ModelCIF file with pLDDT and N, C-alpha, C, O atoms, coordinates in Angstrom:
data_MODEL
#
_entry.id   MODEL 
#
_entity.id                         1 
_entity.type                       polymer 
_entity.pdbx_number_of_molecules   1 
#
_entity_poly.entity_id                      1 
_entity_poly.type                           'polypeptide(L)' 
_entity_poly.nstd_linkage                   no 
_entity_poly.nstd_monomer                   no 
_entity_poly.pdbx_seq_one_letter_code       MEDTTREIFLMLRVDGLAYPEIGARLGLSVAEVERGFVEA 
_entity_poly.pdbx_seq_one_letter_code_can   MEDTTREIFLMLRVDGLAYPEIGARLGLSVAEVERGFVEA 
_entity_poly.pdbx_strand_id                 A 
#
loop_
_entity_poly_seq.entity_id 
_entity_poly_seq.num 
_entity_poly_seq.mon_id 
_entity_poly_seq.hetero 
1 1  MET n 
1 2  GLU n 
1 3  ASP n 
1 4  THR n 
1 5  THR n 
1 6  ARG n 
1 7  GLU n 
1 8  ILE n 
1 9  PHE n 
1 10 LEU n 
1 11 MET n 
1 12 LEU n 
1 13 ARG n 
1 14 VAL n 
1 15 ASP n 
1 16 GLY n 
1 17 LEU n 
1 18 ALA n 
1 19 TYR n 
1 20 PRO n 
1 21 GLU n 
1 22 ILE n 
1 23 GLY n 
1 24 ALA n 
1 25 ARG n 
1 26 LEU n 
1 27 GLY n 
1 28 LEU n 
1 29 SER n 
1 30 VAL n 
1 31 ALA n 
1 32 GLU n 
1 33 VAL n 
1 34 GLU n 
1 35 ARG n 
1 36 GLY n 
1 37 PHE n 
1 38 VAL n 
1 39 GLU n 
1 40 ALA n 
#
_struct_asym.id          A 
_struct_asym.entity_id   1 
#
loop_
_ma_qa_metric.id 
_ma_qa_metric.mode 
_ma_qa_metric.name 
_ma_qa_metric.software_group_id 
_ma_qa_metric.type 
1 global pLDDT . pLDDT 
2 local  pLDDT . pLDDT 
#
_ma_qa_metric_global.metric_id      1 
_ma_qa_metric_global.metric_value   97.55 
_ma_qa_metric_global.model_id       1 
_ma_qa_metric_global.ordinal_id     1 
#
loop_
_ma_qa_metric_local.label_asym_id 
_ma_qa_metric_local.label_comp_id 
_ma_qa_metric_local.label_seq_id 
_ma_qa_metric_local.metric_id 
_ma_qa_metric_local.metric_value 
_ma_qa_metric_local.model_id 
_ma_qa_metric_local.ordinal_id 
A MET 1  2 96.00 1 1  
A GLU 2  2 96.00 1 2  
A ASP 3  2 97.00 1 3  
A THR 4  2 97.00 1 4  
A THR 5  2 98.00 1 5  
A ARG 6  2 97.00 1 6  
A GLU 7  2 98.00 1 7  
A ILE 8  2 98.00 1 8  
A PHE 9  2 97.00 1 9  
A LEU 10 2 97.00 1 10 
A MET 11 2 98.00 1 11 
A LEU 12 2 97.00 1 12 
A ARG 13 2 96.00 1 13 
A VAL 14 2 96.00 1 14 
A ASP 15 2 97.00 1 15 
A GLY 16 2 98.00 1 16 
A LEU 17 2 98.00 1 17 
A ALA 18 2 98.00 1 18 
A TYR 19 2 98.00 1 19 
A PRO 20 2 98.00 1 20 
A GLU 21 2 98.00 1 21 
A ILE 22 2 98.00 1 22 
A GLY 23 2 98.00 1 23 
A ALA 24 2 98.00 1 24 
A ARG 25 2 97.00 1 25 
A LEU 26 2 98.00 1 26 
A GLY 27 2 98.00 1 27 
A LEU 28 2 98.00 1 28 
A SER 29 2 98.00 1 29 
A VAL 30 2 98.00 1 30 
A ALA 31 2 98.00 1 31 
A GLU 32 2 98.00 1 32 
A VAL 33 2 98.00 1 33 
A GLU 34 2 98.00 1 34 
A ARG 35 2 98.00 1 35 
A GLY 36 2 98.00 1 36 
A PHE 37 2 98.00 1 37 
A VAL 38 2 98.00 1 38 
A GLU 39 2 97.00 1 39 
A ALA 40 2 97.00 1 40 
#
loop_
_atom_site.group_PDB 
_atom_site.id 
_atom_site.type_symbol 
_atom_site.label_atom_id 
_atom_site.label_alt_id 
_atom_site.label_comp_id 
_atom_site.label_asym_id 
_atom_site.label_entity_id 
_atom_site.label_seq_id 
_atom_site.pdbx_PDB_ins_code 
_atom_site.Cartn_x 
_atom_site.Cartn_y 
_atom_site.Cartn_z 
_atom_site.occupancy 
_atom_site.B_iso_or_equiv 
_atom_site.pdbx_formal_charge 
_atom_site.auth_seq_id 
_atom_site.auth_comp_id 
_atom_site.auth_asym_id 
_atom_site.auth_atom_id 
_atom_site.pdbx_PDB_model_num 
ATOM 1   N N  . MET A 1 1  ? 118.196 118.118 118.732 1.00 96.00 ? 1  MET A N  1 
ATOM 2   C CA . MET A 1 1  ? 118.214 117.453 117.421 1.00 96.00 ? 1  MET A CA 1 
ATOM 3   C C  . MET A 1 1  ? 117.081 117.997 116.554 1.00 96.00 ? 1  MET A C  1 
ATOM 4   O O  . MET A 1 1  ? 116.081 118.508 117.058 1.00 96.00 ? 1  MET A O  1 
ATOM 5   N N  . GLU A 1 2  ? 117.262 117.876 115.240 1.00 96.00 ? 2  GLU A N  1 
ATOM 6   C CA . GLU A 1 2  ? 116.164 118.196 114.326 1.00 96.00 ? 2  GLU A CA 1 
ATOM 7   C C  . GLU A 1 2  ? 115.026 117.213 114.604 1.00 96.00 ? 2  GLU A C  1 
ATOM 8   O O  . GLU A 1 2  ? 115.263 116.100 115.073 1.00 96.00 ? 2  GLU A O  1 
ATOM 9   N N  . ASP A 1 3  ? 113.806 117.622 114.319 1.00 97.00 ? 3  ASP A N  1 
ATOM 10  C CA . ASP A 1 3  ? 112.630 116.830 114.687 1.00 97.00 ? 3  ASP A CA 1 
ATOM 11  C C  . ASP A 1 3  ? 112.673 115.385 114.200 1.00 97.00 ? 3  ASP A C  1 
ATOM 12  O O  . ASP A 1 3  ? 112.486 114.464 114.996 1.00 97.00 ? 3  ASP A O  1 
ATOM 13  N N  . THR A 1 4  ? 112.912 115.172 112.920 1.00 97.00 ? 4  THR A N  1 
ATOM 14  C CA . THR A 1 4  ? 112.902 113.813 112.383 1.00 97.00 ? 4  THR A CA 1 
ATOM 15  C C  . THR A 1 4  ? 114.041 112.990 112.961 1.00 97.00 ? 4  THR A C  1 
ATOM 16  O O  . THR A 1 4  ? 113.864 111.812 113.272 1.00 97.00 ? 4  THR A O  1 
ATOM 17  N N  . THR A 1 5  ? 115.195 113.597 113.104 1.00 98.00 ? 5  THR A N  1 
ATOM 18  C CA . THR A 1 5  ? 116.340 112.907 113.697 1.00 98.00 ? 5  THR A CA 1 
ATOM 19  C C  . THR A 1 5  ? 116.011 112.463 115.116 1.00 98.00 ? 5  THR A C  1 
ATOM 20  O O  . THR A 1 5  ? 116.310 111.335 115.508 1.00 98.00 ? 5  THR A O  1 
ATOM 21  N N  . ARG A 1 6  ? 115.396 113.354 115.879 1.00 97.00 ? 6  ARG A N  1 
ATOM 22  C CA . ARG A 1 6  ? 115.011 113.030 117.254 1.00 97.00 ? 6  ARG A CA 1 
ATOM 23  C C  . ARG A 1 6  ? 113.982 111.895 117.283 1.00 97.00 ? 6  ARG A C  1 
ATOM 24  O O  . ARG A 1 6  ? 114.091 110.978 118.097 1.00 97.00 ? 6  ARG A O  1 
ATOM 25  N N  . GLU A 1 7  ? 112.990 111.956 116.400 1.00 98.00 ? 7  GLU A N  1 
ATOM 26  C CA . GLU A 1 7  ? 111.981 110.903 116.343 1.00 98.00 ? 7  GLU A CA 1 
ATOM 27  C C  . GLU A 1 7  ? 112.608 109.547 116.043 1.00 98.00 ? 7  GLU A C  1 
ATOM 28  O O  . GLU A 1 7  ? 112.286 108.548 116.687 1.00 98.00 ? 7  GLU A O  1 
ATOM 29  N N  . ILE A 1 8  ? 113.501 109.521 115.067 1.00 98.00 ? 8  ILE A N  1 
ATOM 30  C CA . ILE A 1 8  ? 114.176 108.271 114.711 1.00 98.00 ? 8  ILE A CA 1 
ATOM 31  C C  . ILE A 1 8  ? 114.977 107.749 115.897 1.00 98.00 ? 8  ILE A C  1 
ATOM 32  O O  . ILE A 1 8  ? 114.889 106.567 116.232 1.00 98.00 ? 8  ILE A O  1 
ATOM 33  N N  . PHE A 1 9  ? 115.743 108.603 116.523 1.00 97.00 ? 9  PHE A N  1 
ATOM 34  C CA . PHE A 1 9  ? 116.563 108.198 117.665 1.00 97.00 ? 9  PHE A CA 1 
ATOM 35  C C  . PHE A 1 9  ? 115.697 107.612 118.777 1.00 97.00 ? 9  PHE A C  1 
ATOM 36  O O  . PHE A 1 9  ? 115.997 106.541 119.303 1.00 97.00 ? 9  PHE A O  1 
ATOM 37  N N  . LEU A 1 10 ? 114.627 108.311 119.131 1.00 97.00 ? 10 LEU A N  1 
ATOM 38  C CA . LEU A 1 10 ? 113.768 107.846 120.222 1.00 97.00 ? 10 LEU A CA 1 
ATOM 39  C C  . LEU A 1 10 ? 113.034 106.557 119.875 1.00 97.00 ? 10 LEU A C  1 
ATOM 40  O O  . LEU A 1 10 ? 112.875 105.681 120.725 1.00 97.00 ? 10 LEU A O  1 
ATOM 41  N N  . MET A 1 11 ? 112.592 106.441 118.640 1.00 98.00 ? 11 MET A N  1 
ATOM 42  C CA . MET A 1 11 ? 111.901 105.214 118.229 1.00 98.00 ? 11 MET A CA 1 
ATOM 43  C C  . MET A 1 11 ? 112.838 104.010 118.281 1.00 98.00 ? 11 MET A C  1 
ATOM 44  O O  . MET A 1 11 ? 112.428 102.905 118.637 1.00 98.00 ? 11 MET A O  1 
ATOM 45  N N  . LEU A 1 12 ? 114.090 104.236 117.927 1.00 97.00 ? 12 LEU A N  1 
ATOM 46  C CA . LEU A 1 12 ? 115.071 103.146 117.973 1.00 97.00 ? 12 LEU A CA 1 
ATOM 47  C C  . LEU A 1 12 ? 115.482 102.818 119.398 1.00 97.00 ? 12 LEU A C  1 
ATOM 48  O O  . LEU A 1 12 ? 115.401 101.665 119.823 1.00 97.00 ? 12 LEU A O  1 
ATOM 49  N N  . ARG A 1 13 ? 115.923 103.826 120.133 1.00 96.00 ? 13 ARG A N  1 
ATOM 50  C CA . ARG A 1 13 ? 116.529 103.605 121.442 1.00 96.00 ? 13 ARG A CA 1 
ATOM 51  C C  . ARG A 1 13 ? 115.532 103.468 122.588 1.00 96.00 ? 13 ARG A C  1 
ATOM 52  O O  . ARG A 1 13 ? 115.776 102.711 123.528 1.00 96.00 ? 13 ARG A O  1 
ATOM 53  N N  . VAL A 1 14 ? 114.427 104.181 122.527 1.00 96.00 ? 14 VAL A N  1 
ATOM 54  C CA . VAL A 1 14 ? 113.457 104.138 123.624 1.00 96.00 ? 14 VAL A CA 1 
ATOM 55  C C  . VAL A 1 14 ? 112.353 103.117 123.339 1.00 96.00 ? 14 VAL A C  1 
ATOM 56  O O  . VAL A 1 14 ? 112.024 102.284 124.184 1.00 96.00 ? 14 VAL A O  1 
ATOM 57  N N  . ASP A 1 15 ? 111.792 103.202 122.139 1.00 97.00 ? 15 ASP A N  1 
ATOM 58  C CA . ASP A 1 15 ? 110.673 102.322 121.795 1.00 97.00 ? 15 ASP A CA 1 
ATOM 59  C C  . ASP A 1 15 ? 111.119 100.956 121.305 1.00 97.00 ? 15 ASP A C  1 
ATOM 60  O O  . ASP A 1 15 ? 110.332 100.010 121.302 1.00 97.00 ? 15 ASP A O  1 
ATOM 61  N N  . GLY A 1 16 ? 112.380 100.844 120.887 1.00 98.00 ? 16 GLY A N  1 
ATOM 62  C CA . GLY A 1 16 ? 112.907 99.569  120.429 1.00 98.00 ? 16 GLY A CA 1 
ATOM 63  C C  . GLY A 1 16 ? 112.378 99.110  119.082 1.00 98.00 ? 16 GLY A C  1 
ATOM 64  O O  . GLY A 1 16 ? 112.344 97.912  118.799 1.00 98.00 ? 16 GLY A O  1 
ATOM 65  N N  . LEU A 1 17 ? 111.965 100.059 118.248 1.00 98.00 ? 17 LEU A N  1 
ATOM 66  C CA . LEU A 1 17 ? 111.443 99.704  116.936 1.00 98.00 ? 17 LEU A CA 1 
ATOM 67  C C  . LEU A 1 17 ? 112.574 99.422  115.950 1.00 98.00 ? 17 LEU A C  1 
ATOM 68  O O  . LEU A 1 17 ? 113.695 99.902  116.115 1.00 98.00 ? 17 LEU A O  1 
ATOM 69  N N  . ALA A 1 18 ? 112.262 98.644  114.935 1.00 98.00 ? 18 ALA A N  1 
ATOM 70  C CA . ALA A 1 18 ? 113.222 98.323  113.878 1.00 98.00 ? 18 ALA A CA 1 
ATOM 71  C C  . ALA A 1 18 ? 113.166 99.397  112.787 1.00 98.00 ? 18 ALA A C  1 
ATOM 72  O O  . ALA A 1 18 ? 112.174 100.115 112.657 1.00 98.00 ? 18 ALA A O  1 
ATOM 73  N N  . TYR A 1 19 ? 114.234 99.492  112.016 1.00 98.00 ? 19 TYR A N  1 
ATOM 74  C CA . TYR A 1 19 ? 114.315 100.497 110.955 1.00 98.00 ? 19 TYR A CA 1 
ATOM 75  C C  . TYR A 1 19 ? 113.104 100.452 110.014 1.00 98.00 ? 19 TYR A C  1 
ATOM 76  O O  . TYR A 1 19 ? 112.523 101.500 109.729 1.00 98.00 ? 19 TYR A O  1 
ATOM 77  N N  . PRO A 1 20 ? 112.705 99.263  109.522 1.00 98.00 ? 20 PRO A N  1 
ATOM 78  C CA . PRO A 1 20 ? 111.554 99.235  108.600 1.00 98.00 ? 20 PRO A CA 1 
ATOM 79  C C  . PRO A 1 20 ? 110.263 99.756  109.244 1.00 98.00 ? 20 PRO A C  1 
ATOM 80  O O  . PRO A 1 20 ? 109.471 100.426 108.581 1.00 98.00 ? 20 PRO A O  1 
ATOM 81  N N  . GLU A 1 21 ? 110.047 99.455  110.517 1.00 98.00 ? 21 GLU A N  1 
ATOM 82  C CA . GLU A 1 21 ? 108.843 99.922  111.186 1.00 98.00 ? 21 GLU A CA 1 
ATOM 83  C C  . GLU A 1 21 ? 108.866 101.441 111.363 1.00 98.00 ? 21 GLU A C  1 
ATOM 84  O O  . GLU A 1 21 ? 107.845 102.105 111.188 1.00 98.00 ? 21 GLU A O  1 
ATOM 85  N N  . ILE A 1 22 ? 110.029 101.984 111.708 1.00 98.00 ? 22 ILE A N  1 
ATOM 86  C CA . ILE A 1 22 ? 110.166 103.441 111.832 1.00 98.00 ? 22 ILE A CA 1 
ATOM 87  C C  . ILE A 1 22 ? 109.915 104.093 110.479 1.00 98.00 ? 22 ILE A C  1 
ATOM 88  O O  . ILE A 1 22 ? 109.207 105.095 110.378 1.00 98.00 ? 22 ILE A O  1 
ATOM 89  N N  . GLY A 1 23 ? 110.506 103.510 109.446 1.00 98.00 ? 23 GLY A N  1 
ATOM 90  C CA . GLY A 1 23 ? 110.308 104.044 108.105 1.00 98.00 ? 23 GLY A CA 1 
ATOM 91  C C  . GLY A 1 23 ? 108.839 104.080 107.720 1.00 98.00 ? 23 GLY A C  1 
ATOM 92  O O  . GLY A 1 23 ? 108.361 105.063 107.153 1.00 98.00 ? 23 GLY A O  1 
ATOM 93  N N  . ALA A 1 24 ? 108.126 103.007 108.030 1.00 98.00 ? 24 ALA A N  1 
ATOM 94  C CA . ALA A 1 24 ? 106.699 102.945 107.700 1.00 98.00 ? 24 ALA A CA 1 
ATOM 95  C C  . ALA A 1 24 ? 105.913 104.006 108.472 1.00 98.00 ? 24 ALA A C  1 
ATOM 96  O O  . ALA A 1 24 ? 105.008 104.630 107.917 1.00 98.00 ? 24 ALA A O  1 
ATOM 97  N N  . ARG A 1 25 ? 106.247 104.211 109.727 1.00 97.00 ? 25 ARG A N  1 
ATOM 98  C CA . ARG A 1 25 ? 105.536 105.195 110.546 1.00 97.00 ? 25 ARG A CA 1 
ATOM 99  C C  . ARG A 1 25 ? 105.812 106.628 110.107 1.00 97.00 ? 25 ARG A C  1 
ATOM 100 O O  . ARG A 1 25 ? 104.938 107.492 110.177 1.00 97.00 ? 25 ARG A O  1 
ATOM 101 N N  . LEU A 1 26 ? 107.043 106.869 109.654 1.00 98.00 ? 26 LEU A N  1 
ATOM 102 C CA . LEU A 1 26 ? 107.428 108.241 109.296 1.00 98.00 ? 26 LEU A CA 1 
ATOM 103 C C  . LEU A 1 26 ? 107.382 108.510 107.794 1.00 98.00 ? 26 LEU A C  1 
ATOM 104 O O  . LEU A 1 26 ? 107.616 109.635 107.352 1.00 98.00 ? 26 LEU A O  1 
ATOM 105 N N  . GLY A 1 27 ? 107.081 107.481 107.019 1.00 98.00 ? 27 GLY A N  1 
ATOM 106 C CA . GLY A 1 27 ? 107.053 107.658 105.568 1.00 98.00 ? 27 GLY A CA 1 
ATOM 107 C C  . GLY A 1 27 ? 108.438 107.808 104.970 1.00 98.00 ? 27 GLY A C  1 
ATOM 108 O O  . GLY A 1 27 ? 108.627 108.552 104.008 1.00 98.00 ? 27 GLY A O  1 
ATOM 109 N N  . LEU A 1 28 ? 109.416 107.096 105.542 1.00 98.00 ? 28 LEU A N  1 
ATOM 110 C CA . LEU A 1 28 ? 110.807 107.163 105.089 1.00 98.00 ? 28 LEU A CA 1 
ATOM 111 C C  . LEU A 1 28 ? 111.271 105.793 104.638 1.00 98.00 ? 28 LEU A C  1 
ATOM 112 O O  . LEU A 1 28 ? 110.723 104.772 105.051 1.00 98.00 ? 28 LEU A O  1 
ATOM 113 N N  . SER A 1 29 ? 112.289 105.779 103.785 1.00 98.00 ? 29 SER A N  1 
ATOM 114 C CA . SER A 1 29 ? 112.909 104.509 103.413 1.00 98.00 ? 29 SER A CA 1 
ATOM 115 C C  . SER A 1 29 ? 113.806 104.044 104.561 1.00 98.00 ? 29 SER A C  1 
ATOM 116 O O  . SER A 1 29 ? 114.161 104.828 105.441 1.00 98.00 ? 29 SER A O  1 
ATOM 117 N N  . VAL A 1 30 ? 114.163 102.774 104.541 1.00 98.00 ? 30 VAL A N  1 
ATOM 118 C CA . VAL A 1 30 ? 115.072 102.240 105.549 1.00 98.00 ? 30 VAL A CA 1 
ATOM 119 C C  . VAL A 1 30 ? 116.403 102.992 105.497 1.00 98.00 ? 30 VAL A C  1 
ATOM 120 O O  . VAL A 1 30 ? 116.996 103.272 106.539 1.00 98.00 ? 30 VAL A O  1 
ATOM 121 N N  . ALA A 1 31 ? 116.874 103.317 104.298 1.00 98.00 ? 31 ALA A N  1 
ATOM 122 C CA . ALA A 1 31 ? 118.130 104.062 104.159 1.00 98.00 ? 31 ALA A CA 1 
ATOM 123 C C  . ALA A 1 31 ? 118.026 105.438 104.811 1.00 98.00 ? 31 ALA A C  1 
ATOM 124 O O  . ALA A 1 31 ? 118.985 105.901 105.429 1.00 98.00 ? 31 ALA A O  1 
ATOM 125 N N  . GLU A 1 32 ? 116.873 106.095 104.680 1.00 98.00 ? 32 GLU A N  1 
ATOM 126 C CA . GLU A 1 32 ? 116.696 107.406 105.315 1.00 98.00 ? 32 GLU A CA 1 
ATOM 127 C C  . GLU A 1 32 ? 116.678 107.276 106.836 1.00 98.00 ? 32 GLU A C  1 
ATOM 128 O O  . GLU A 1 32 ? 117.200 108.140 107.540 1.00 98.00 ? 32 GLU A O  1 
ATOM 129 N N  . VAL A 1 33 ? 116.084 106.210 107.338 1.00 98.00 ? 33 VAL A N  1 
ATOM 130 C CA . VAL A 1 33 ? 116.088 105.973 108.782 1.00 98.00 ? 33 VAL A CA 1 
ATOM 131 C C  . VAL A 1 33 ? 117.519 105.733 109.253 1.00 98.00 ? 33 VAL A C  1 
ATOM 132 O O  . VAL A 1 33 ? 117.936 106.270 110.279 1.00 98.00 ? 33 VAL A O  1 
ATOM 133 N N  . GLU A 1 34 ? 118.266 104.933 108.509 1.00 98.00 ? 34 GLU A N  1 
ATOM 134 C CA . GLU A 1 34 ? 119.668 104.677 108.872 1.00 98.00 ? 34 GLU A CA 1 
ATOM 135 C C  . GLU A 1 34 ? 120.458 105.975 108.904 1.00 98.00 ? 34 GLU A C  1 
ATOM 136 O O  . GLU A 1 34 ? 121.221 106.211 109.841 1.00 98.00 ? 34 GLU A O  1 
ATOM 137 N N  . ARG A 1 35 ? 120.286 106.818 107.895 1.00 98.00 ? 35 ARG A N  1 
ATOM 138 C CA . ARG A 1 35 ? 120.983 108.110 107.860 1.00 98.00 ? 35 ARG A CA 1 
ATOM 139 C C  . ARG A 1 35 ? 120.575 108.990 109.038 1.00 98.00 ? 35 ARG A C  1 
ATOM 140 O O  . ARG A 1 35 ? 121.413 109.664 109.639 1.00 98.00 ? 35 ARG A O  1 
ATOM 141 N N  . GLY A 1 36 ? 119.297 108.980 109.359 1.00 98.00 ? 36 GLY A N  1 
ATOM 142 C CA . GLY A 1 36 ? 118.816 109.761 110.486 1.00 98.00 ? 36 GLY A CA 1 
ATOM 143 C C  . GLY A 1 36 ? 119.429 109.307 111.797 1.00 98.00 ? 36 GLY A C  1 
ATOM 144 O O  . GLY A 1 36 ? 119.747 110.129 112.657 1.00 98.00 ? 36 GLY A O  1 
ATOM 145 N N  . PHE A 1 37 ? 119.597 107.997 111.953 1.00 98.00 ? 37 PHE A N  1 
ATOM 146 C CA . PHE A 1 37 ? 120.205 107.486 113.170 1.00 98.00 ? 37 PHE A CA 1 
ATOM 147 C C  . PHE A 1 37 ? 121.679 107.866 113.233 1.00 98.00 ? 37 PHE A C  1 
ATOM 148 O O  . PHE A 1 37 ? 122.180 108.221 114.301 1.00 98.00 ? 37 PHE A O  1 
ATOM 149 N N  . VAL A 1 38 ? 122.371 107.797 112.117 1.00 98.00 ? 38 VAL A N  1 
ATOM 150 C CA . VAL A 1 38 ? 123.775 108.216 112.080 1.00 98.00 ? 38 VAL A CA 1 
ATOM 151 C C  . VAL A 1 38 ? 123.872 109.698 112.440 1.00 98.00 ? 38 VAL A C  1 
ATOM 152 O O  . VAL A 1 38 ? 124.746 110.093 113.212 1.00 98.00 ? 38 VAL A O  1 
ATOM 153 N N  . GLU A 1 39 ? 122.979 110.516 111.885 1.00 97.00 ? 39 GLU A N  1 
ATOM 154 C CA . GLU A 1 39 ? 122.976 111.944 112.218 1.00 97.00 ? 39 GLU A CA 1 
ATOM 155 C C  . GLU A 1 39 ? 122.766 112.144 113.718 1.00 97.00 ? 39 GLU A C  1 
ATOM 156 O O  . GLU A 1 39 ? 123.408 112.997 114.330 1.00 97.00 ? 39 GLU A O  1 
ATOM 157 N N  . ALA A 1 40 ? 121.873 111.362 114.301 1.00 97.00 ? 40 ALA A N  1 
ATOM 158 C CA . ALA A 1 40 ? 121.609 111.470 115.742 1.00 97.00 ? 40 ALA A CA 1 
ATOM 159 C C  . ALA A 1 40 ? 122.853 111.132 116.543 1.00 97.00 ? 40 ALA A C  1 
ATOM 160 O O  . ALA A 1 40 ? 122.823 111.168 117.774 1.00 97.00 ? 40 ALA A O  1 
#
């Protein structure tokens, strides 16, 4: 996976973080996190 896509996937599935928390950590909007997860 592309780096950001992989980070989003792992943060969601492995770390159990919520979209807003991932967005805050990566500097992304919730919509961008959602798109990244769909891409994953």
